[in-house]
Amino acid sequence: MARRVRLTPRYLTDARRCGVLGGTPESRDVKQVIDALAGAGADSFDTDMYAYVPGENDAVRVLAHGRRVRQRNLWLWYWAKDDELTLVALTNLPPVAR
């Protein structure tokens, strides 16, 4: 069963800022990643990184899974449950090694 996809306000703001608008090649590539995550088994998330979302001097740091959008300098940050996929952020910054 596919997970229900929820979009956070930050994700929507980030998508606009990164130029991921409906009908663009970037939006189609991001959608491929979202579709794969929504239909994936729980064990497939183990290969994704788990890190703090790179932010713009956020007061609160957010910990989430991250997956790179193929052939793009875009990172999709998410939380996954059995029945729900929450898109936390979309950045053009890779995770920072600490």
N, C-alpha and C. Protein backbone atom coordinates (compact mmCIF):
# COMPACT_ATOMS: atom_id res chain seq x y z
N MET A 1 0.84 -1.18 0.00
CA MET A 1 0.00 0.00 0.00
C MET A 1 0.90 1.25 0.00
N ALA A 2 0.56 2.19 -0.83
CA ALA A 2 1.33 3.43 -0.92
C ALA A 2 1.04 4.33 0.28
N ARG A 3 2.05 5.06 0.68
CA ARG A 3 1.89 6.02 1.78
C ARG A 3 1.19 7.28 1.29
N ARG A 4 0.43 7.88 2.16
CA ARG A 4 -0.16 9.19 1.89
C ARG A 4 0.96 10.21 1.99
N VAL A 5 1.04 11.15 1.06
CA VAL A 5 2.10 12.14 1.03
C VAL A 5 1.59 13.46 1.61
N ARG A 6 2.34 13.98 2.58
CA ARG A 6 2.02 15.28 3.20
C ARG A 6 3.14 16.25 2.88
N LEU A 7 2.79 17.48 2.58
CA LEU A 7 3.77 18.53 2.28
C LEU A 7 3.77 19.53 3.42
N THR A 8 4.95 19.85 3.92
CA THR A 8 5.04 20.88 4.95
C THR A 8 5.16 22.25 4.30
N PRO A 9 4.83 23.30 5.02
CA PRO A 9 5.01 24.65 4.47
C PRO A 9 6.46 24.91 4.05
N ARG A 10 7.41 24.41 4.85
CA ARG A 10 8.82 24.61 4.48
C ARG A 10 9.13 23.94 3.15
N TYR A 11 8.63 22.73 2.93
CA TYR A 11 8.88 22.05 1.66
C TYR A 11 8.35 22.89 0.50
N LEU A 12 7.15 23.40 0.63
CA LEU A 12 6.55 24.19 -0.46
C LEU A 12 7.35 25.46 -0.73
N THR A 13 7.80 26.13 0.33
CA THR A 13 8.63 27.32 0.17
C THR A 13 9.96 26.97 -0.49
N ASP A 14 10.57 25.89 -0.02
CA ASP A 14 11.86 25.45 -0.58
C ASP A 14 11.73 25.10 -2.05
N ALA A 15 10.65 24.42 -2.42
CA ALA A 15 10.46 24.02 -3.81
C ALA A 15 10.41 25.24 -4.73
N ARG A 16 9.67 26.25 -4.32
CA ARG A 16 9.62 27.48 -5.12
C ARG A 16 10.99 28.14 -5.20
N ARG A 17 11.67 28.21 -4.06
CA ARG A 17 12.99 28.83 -4.01
C ARG A 17 14.00 28.09 -4.90
N CYS A 18 13.88 26.77 -4.98
CA CYS A 18 14.80 25.95 -5.78
C CYS A 18 14.37 25.86 -7.25
N GLY A 19 13.27 26.51 -7.61
CA GLY A 19 12.82 26.50 -8.99
C GLY A 19 12.08 25.24 -9.41
N VAL A 20 11.58 24.50 -8.43
CA VAL A 20 10.83 23.28 -8.72
C VAL A 20 9.35 23.65 -8.82
N LEU A 21 8.95 24.02 -10.02
CA LEU A 21 7.58 24.45 -10.28
C LEU A 21 6.89 23.42 -11.15
N GLY A 22 5.57 23.32 -11.06
CA GLY A 22 4.80 22.34 -11.80
C GLY A 22 5.13 22.33 -13.29
N GLY A 23 5.34 21.14 -13.83
CA GLY A 23 5.58 20.98 -15.25
C GLY A 23 7.02 21.14 -15.70
N THR A 24 7.91 21.49 -14.77
CA THR A 24 9.32 21.64 -15.14
C THR A 24 10.02 20.29 -15.06
N PRO A 25 11.14 20.14 -15.77
CA PRO A 25 11.91 18.90 -15.65
C PRO A 25 12.32 18.61 -14.21
N GLU A 26 12.63 19.65 -13.46
CA GLU A 26 13.00 19.47 -12.05
C GLU A 26 11.84 18.88 -11.25
N SER A 27 10.63 19.38 -11.50
CA SER A 27 9.48 18.86 -10.75
C SER A 27 9.21 17.41 -11.09
N ARG A 28 9.42 17.02 -12.34
CA ARG A 28 9.22 15.61 -12.72
C ARG A 28 10.25 14.72 -12.04
N ASP A 29 11.50 15.19 -11.93
CA ASP A 29 12.53 14.40 -11.27
C ASP A 29 12.26 14.27 -9.77
N VAL A 30 11.80 15.34 -9.15
CA VAL A 30 11.45 15.29 -7.73
C VAL A 30 10.26 14.35 -7.52
N LYS A 31 9.29 14.40 -8.41
CA LYS A 31 8.12 13.52 -8.30
C LYS A 31 8.51 12.04 -8.40
N GLN A 32 9.50 11.72 -9.22
CA GLN A 32 9.97 10.34 -9.31
C GLN A 32 10.48 9.86 -7.96
N VAL A 33 11.21 10.71 -7.26
CA VAL A 33 11.74 10.34 -5.95
C VAL A 33 10.58 10.20 -4.95
N ILE A 34 9.64 11.12 -4.98
CA ILE A 34 8.50 11.06 -4.07
C ILE A 34 7.70 9.79 -4.31
N ASP A 35 7.43 9.46 -5.56
CA ASP A 35 6.68 8.24 -5.88
C ASP A 35 7.41 6.99 -5.39
N ALA A 36 8.74 6.97 -5.57
CA ALA A 36 9.52 5.82 -5.11
C ALA A 36 9.45 5.68 -3.60
N LEU A 37 9.55 6.80 -2.88
CA LEU A 37 9.48 6.77 -1.42
C LEU A 37 8.09 6.38 -0.93
N ALA A 38 7.06 6.89 -1.59
CA ALA A 38 5.69 6.60 -1.16
C ALA A 38 5.35 5.13 -1.30
N GLY A 39 5.94 4.45 -2.27
CA GLY A 39 5.62 3.05 -2.49
C GLY A 39 6.67 2.08 -1.98
N ALA A 40 7.70 2.59 -1.33
CA ALA A 40 8.83 1.75 -0.91
C ALA A 40 8.54 0.98 0.37
N GLY A 41 9.22 -0.14 0.51
CA GLY A 41 9.18 -0.90 1.75
C GLY A 41 10.01 -0.20 2.81
N ALA A 42 9.74 -0.49 4.06
CA ALA A 42 10.43 0.19 5.17
C ALA A 42 11.93 0.00 5.13
N ASP A 43 12.41 -1.14 4.64
CA ASP A 43 13.85 -1.38 4.63
C ASP A 43 14.60 -0.54 3.59
N SER A 44 13.89 0.01 2.61
CA SER A 44 14.57 0.81 1.58
C SER A 44 15.02 2.17 2.11
N PHE A 45 14.49 2.61 3.24
CA PHE A 45 14.88 3.89 3.82
C PHE A 45 16.24 3.80 4.52
N ASP A 46 16.68 2.58 4.80
CA ASP A 46 17.95 2.39 5.50
C ASP A 46 19.14 2.88 4.68
N THR A 47 19.01 2.92 3.36
CA THR A 47 20.12 3.36 2.52
C THR A 47 20.20 4.89 2.42
N ASP A 48 19.15 5.59 2.82
CA ASP A 48 19.16 7.05 2.80
C ASP A 48 19.87 7.58 4.04
N MET A 49 20.48 8.75 3.89
CA MET A 49 21.17 9.34 5.03
C MET A 49 20.14 9.84 6.05
N TYR A 50 20.58 9.96 7.26
CA TYR A 50 19.76 10.50 8.34
C TYR A 50 20.59 11.61 8.94
N ALA A 51 20.18 12.84 8.74
CA ALA A 51 21.00 13.97 9.15
C ALA A 51 20.12 15.17 9.44
N TYR A 52 20.76 16.21 9.97
CA TYR A 52 20.04 17.47 10.15
C TYR A 52 19.87 18.12 8.78
N VAL A 53 18.70 18.63 8.53
CA VAL A 53 18.41 19.29 7.26
C VAL A 53 19.23 20.57 7.19
N PRO A 54 20.01 20.73 6.11
CA PRO A 54 20.75 22.00 5.98
C PRO A 54 19.76 23.14 5.95
N GLY A 55 19.99 24.15 6.76
CA GLY A 55 19.01 25.22 6.85
C GLY A 55 19.59 26.58 6.59
N GLU A 56 18.72 27.51 6.71
CA GLU A 56 19.08 28.91 6.53
C GLU A 56 19.07 29.57 7.90
N ASN A 57 19.98 29.13 8.76
CA ASN A 57 20.09 29.63 10.13
C ASN A 57 18.79 29.42 10.91
N ASP A 58 18.23 28.23 10.76
CA ASP A 58 17.00 27.90 11.49
C ASP A 58 17.26 27.90 12.99
N ALA A 59 16.31 28.37 13.74
CA ALA A 59 16.42 28.35 15.19
C ALA A 59 16.34 26.92 15.71
N VAL A 60 15.58 26.08 15.02
CA VAL A 60 15.41 24.69 15.41
C VAL A 60 15.95 23.81 14.29
N ARG A 61 16.86 22.91 14.64
CA ARG A 61 17.40 22.00 13.64
C ARG A 61 16.46 20.81 13.49
N VAL A 62 16.27 20.38 12.25
CA VAL A 62 15.33 19.31 11.94
C VAL A 62 16.12 18.09 11.50
N LEU A 63 15.84 16.95 12.13
CA LEU A 63 16.48 15.69 11.79
C LEU A 63 15.54 14.91 10.87
N ALA A 64 16.04 14.50 9.70
CA ALA A 64 15.19 13.80 8.74
C ALA A 64 16.05 12.91 7.84
N HIS A 65 15.38 12.00 7.15
CA HIS A 65 16.05 11.24 6.10
C HIS A 65 16.23 12.14 4.89
N GLY A 66 17.28 11.92 4.14
CA GLY A 66 17.51 12.71 2.94
C GLY A 66 17.88 11.82 1.77
N ARG A 67 17.39 12.17 0.60
CA ARG A 67 17.71 11.44 -0.63
C ARG A 67 17.97 12.45 -1.73
N ARG A 68 19.04 12.23 -2.45
CA ARG A 68 19.39 13.11 -3.57
C ARG A 68 18.50 12.81 -4.77
N VAL A 69 18.06 13.87 -5.44
CA VAL A 69 17.29 13.73 -6.67
C VAL A 69 18.30 13.49 -7.79
N ARG A 70 18.14 12.38 -8.49
CA ARG A 70 19.09 11.99 -9.53
C ARG A 70 19.32 13.10 -10.54
N GLN A 71 20.58 13.30 -10.88
CA GLN A 71 21.02 14.25 -11.89
C GLN A 71 20.66 15.70 -11.57
N ARG A 72 20.37 15.96 -10.33
CA ARG A 72 20.03 17.33 -9.89
C ARG A 72 20.81 17.63 -8.62
N ASN A 73 21.07 18.88 -8.40
CA ASN A 73 21.67 19.30 -7.14
C ASN A 73 20.53 19.65 -6.18
N LEU A 74 19.68 18.65 -5.94
CA LEU A 74 18.53 18.80 -5.05
C LEU A 74 18.50 17.63 -4.07
N TRP A 75 18.15 17.94 -2.84
CA TRP A 75 18.03 16.94 -1.78
C TRP A 75 16.62 17.00 -1.20
N LEU A 76 15.95 15.86 -1.18
CA LEU A 76 14.60 15.74 -0.64
C LEU A 76 14.71 15.20 0.78
N TRP A 77 14.17 15.94 1.74
CA TRP A 77 14.23 15.57 3.16
C TRP A 77 12.84 15.14 3.61
N TYR A 78 12.76 14.01 4.31
CA TYR A 78 11.44 13.43 4.62
C TYR A 78 11.45 12.66 5.92
N TRP A 79 10.22 12.43 6.42
CA TRP A 79 9.96 11.50 7.51
C TRP A 79 9.01 10.46 6.95
N ALA A 80 9.25 9.20 7.27
CA ALA A 80 8.40 8.13 6.75
C ALA A 80 7.83 7.30 7.89
N LYS A 81 6.54 7.04 7.78
CA LYS A 81 5.84 6.12 8.68
C LYS A 81 5.25 5.03 7.79
N ASP A 82 4.62 4.04 8.41
CA ASP A 82 4.03 2.95 7.62
C ASP A 82 3.00 3.45 6.62
N ASP A 83 2.22 4.46 7.01
CA ASP A 83 1.12 4.90 6.16
C ASP A 83 1.26 6.34 5.66
N GLU A 84 2.38 7.01 5.98
CA GLU A 84 2.50 8.42 5.64
C GLU A 84 3.95 8.79 5.31
N LEU A 85 4.10 9.64 4.31
CA LEU A 85 5.39 10.21 3.93
C LEU A 85 5.26 11.72 4.05
N THR A 86 6.03 12.32 4.94
CA THR A 86 5.99 13.77 5.13
C THR A 86 7.22 14.38 4.50
N LEU A 87 7.01 15.28 3.54
CA LEU A 87 8.11 15.97 2.88
C LEU A 87 8.46 17.19 3.73
N VAL A 88 9.62 17.16 4.34
CA VAL A 88 10.03 18.16 5.31
C VAL A 88 10.65 19.37 4.62
N ALA A 89 11.55 19.11 3.64
CA ALA A 89 12.26 20.21 3.00
C ALA A 89 12.81 19.74 1.66
N LEU A 90 13.18 20.70 0.84
CA LEU A 90 13.87 20.45 -0.42
C LEU A 90 14.99 21.47 -0.48
N THR A 91 16.22 20.99 -0.54
CA THR A 91 17.35 21.92 -0.52
C THR A 91 18.26 21.69 -1.72
N ASN A 92 19.07 22.69 -2.00
CA ASN A 92 20.12 22.51 -2.99
C ASN A 92 21.46 22.42 -2.27
N LEU A 93 21.41 22.12 -0.98
CA LEU A 93 22.60 21.93 -0.15
C LEU A 93 22.67 20.47 0.29
N PRO A 94 23.81 19.83 0.06
CA PRO A 94 23.95 18.45 0.53
C PRO A 94 24.09 18.41 2.05
N PRO A 95 23.93 17.24 2.63
CA PRO A 95 24.13 17.13 4.08
C PRO A 95 25.56 17.50 4.44
N VAL A 96 25.71 18.04 5.62
CA VAL A 96 27.03 18.45 6.09
C VAL A 96 27.58 17.37 7.00
N ALA A 97 28.78 16.92 6.69
CA ALA A 97 29.44 15.93 7.57
C ALA A 97 29.93 16.65 8.81
N ARG A 98 29.66 16.06 9.96
CA ARG A 98 30.08 16.68 11.22
C ARG A 98 31.00 15.75 11.96
